[in-house]
Protein backbone atom coordinates (compact mmCIF):
# COMPACT_ATOMS: atom_id res chain seq x y z
CA MET A 1 0.00 0.00 0.00
CA LYS A 2 1.33 3.43 -0.95
CA LYS A 3 2.03 5.90 1.81
CA TYR A 4 1.34 8.92 -0.38
CA PHE A 5 -1.27 10.29 -2.74
CA ILE A 6 -0.61 12.64 -5.65
CA GLN A 7 -3.60 14.80 -6.50
CA LYS A 8 -3.86 15.09 -10.28
CA ALA A 9 -7.56 15.89 -10.54
CA PRO A 10 -8.65 18.48 -7.98
CA PHE A 11 -12.38 19.02 -7.51
CA VAL A 12 -13.50 22.23 -9.22
CA VAL A 13 -16.18 23.71 -6.98
CA PRO A 14 -19.10 25.09 -9.01
CA THR A 15 -19.43 28.87 -8.51
CA THR A 16 -21.65 31.62 -9.89
CA ASP A 17 -19.34 34.56 -9.16
CA GLY A 18 -16.46 33.85 -11.56
CA LYS A 19 -14.15 32.54 -8.83
CA LEU A 20 -12.08 29.44 -9.59
CA ILE A 21 -11.86 27.01 -6.67
CA GLU A 22 -9.81 23.84 -7.10
CA GLU A 23 -9.87 21.72 -3.96
CA HIS A 24 -6.80 19.47 -3.90
CA HIS A 25 -7.41 17.91 -0.50
CA GLY A 26 -10.47 18.10 1.73
CA LEU A 27 -14.01 16.86 2.10
CA ALA A 28 -15.00 17.19 -1.58
CA THR A 29 -11.91 15.46 -3.01
CA THR A 30 -10.29 13.09 -0.55
CA ASN A 31 -12.95 12.93 2.19
CA ASN A 32 -10.39 14.45 4.58
CA SER A 33 -12.15 16.29 7.40
CA ALA A 34 -8.91 17.39 9.13
CA ILE A 35 -7.64 19.81 6.46
CA SER A 36 -8.56 21.31 3.13
CA ILE A 37 -6.16 22.79 0.61
CA ALA A 38 -7.50 24.78 -2.33
CA HIS A 39 -6.02 26.77 -5.19
CA MET A 40 -8.17 29.80 -6.00
CA ILE A 41 -8.36 32.66 -8.45
CA ALA A 42 -10.68 35.52 -7.50
CA PRO A 43 -11.58 37.79 -10.42
CA PRO A 44 -11.45 41.59 -10.18
CA GLY A 45 -14.46 42.94 -8.28
CA TRP A 46 -15.22 39.62 -6.54
CA SER A 47 -16.47 39.49 -2.94
CA GLU A 48 -18.17 37.10 -0.53
CA PRO A 49 -20.61 37.83 2.29
CA PHE A 50 -19.28 38.13 5.83
CA GLN A 51 -18.79 34.77 7.55
CA THR A 52 -17.73 33.38 10.92
CA PRO A 53 -16.09 30.02 10.14
CA GLU A 54 -15.68 27.18 12.62
CA PHE A 55 -12.18 26.50 11.24
CA ASP A 56 -8.81 28.27 11.11
CA GLU A 57 -8.05 29.57 7.62
CA TYR A 58 -4.60 30.25 6.22
CA THR A 59 -4.26 32.23 2.99
CA TYR A 60 -1.09 32.58 0.90
CA ILE A 61 -1.18 35.12 -1.95
CA ILE A 62 0.54 33.94 -5.15
CA LYS A 63 -0.39 36.82 -7.49
CA GLY A 64 -2.36 40.03 -7.13
CA LYS A 65 -3.93 41.40 -3.94
CA LYS A 66 -6.77 40.28 -1.66
CA GLN A 67 -8.73 42.34 0.85
CA PHE A 68 -9.80 41.00 4.24
CA ILE A 69 -12.19 42.73 6.62
CA ILE A 70 -11.49 41.02 9.94
CA GLU A 71 -13.92 42.10 12.66
CA ASP A 72 -13.61 45.92 12.14
CA GLU A 73 -10.16 46.04 10.51
CA THR A 74 -9.43 46.14 6.75
CA ILE A 75 -6.21 44.42 5.64
CA VAL A 76 -4.79 44.02 2.13
CA LEU A 77 -2.30 41.25 1.38
CA GLU A 78 -0.04 41.16 -1.68
CA ALA A 79 1.87 38.39 -3.47
CA GLY A 80 4.28 36.59 -1.16
CA GLN A 81 2.32 37.41 2.01
CA SER A 82 0.17 35.08 4.10
CA ILE A 83 -2.27 35.28 7.00
CA LYS A 84 -3.89 32.99 9.54
CA ILE A 85 -7.42 33.89 10.62
CA GLU A 86 -8.57 32.04 13.72
CA LYS A 87 -11.86 30.17 13.80
CA ASN A 88 -14.93 31.97 15.13
CA THR A 89 -13.66 35.28 13.71
CA ARG A 90 -16.03 37.38 11.58
CA VAL A 91 -14.37 37.97 8.21
CA GLN A 92 -15.16 39.08 4.68
CA TYR A 93 -12.96 38.22 1.69
CA SER A 94 -12.88 40.29 -1.49
CA ASN A 95 -10.84 41.39 -4.49
CA PRO A 96 -11.84 45.02 -5.15
CA PHE A 97 -8.76 45.47 -7.34
CA ASP A 98 -8.28 45.57 -11.14
CA GLU A 99 -6.40 42.27 -11.49
CA PRO A 100 -7.19 38.66 -10.55
CA CYS A 101 -5.92 37.39 -7.20
CA GLU A 102 -4.41 33.89 -7.17
CA TYR A 103 -3.98 32.28 -3.78
CA LEU A 104 -3.93 29.11 -1.70
CA ALA A 105 -6.39 28.58 1.13
CA ILE A 106 -5.80 25.98 3.84
CA CYS A 107 -8.50 25.28 6.41
CA THR A 108 -8.19 23.22 9.61
CA PRO A 109 -10.45 21.39 10.09
CA ALA A 110 -11.50 21.15 6.45
CA PHE A 111 -13.76 23.74 4.82
CA SER A 112 -17.42 22.82 4.72
CA MET A 113 -20.51 24.85 3.87
CA ASN A 114 -22.01 23.71 7.19
CA ALA A 115 -19.11 25.24 9.15
CA VAL A 116 -18.50 28.50 7.22
CA ASN A 117 -21.56 30.34 8.63
CA ARG A 118 -22.01 32.86 5.81
CA GLU A 119 -24.31 35.77 6.48
CA GLU A 120 -27.33 36.32 4.23
C-alpha cells in the first residue's frame, strides 16, 4: 500500500461569481475532514458575504492582492504574504482590485458549507 497520494484531478467547486476554486485535499476530493487545501483565483471585483467560520483559515497570496475585513479592521495582502485567521472570527474576503488574485487557502479542520456560517 502506498504511503502517499498525488492529486492530479482536484475538484473544481461550481461557482456563480467567476471565482475558480480547485480543492486538492479536503471533504470534496479526498474525504479528509482534518484539512482542506484549495487553489483559488478571485476575479477583479469579486467578494463574498461576511462569515464566521468554525475553522482556522490560512491564505497565501501567489499573485495580485486580496482584501480582508477582519472584525472591524481592513487588511490588504499582496503576493508573497500570508495570513492565519482564527476560527470563530467574523471575516469578509474580497478582491476590489483591477487584477485577478491567485492564492492558496488551507482550512483546519477542512472547509465545509455547514461550518462557514455565511451571512445572508
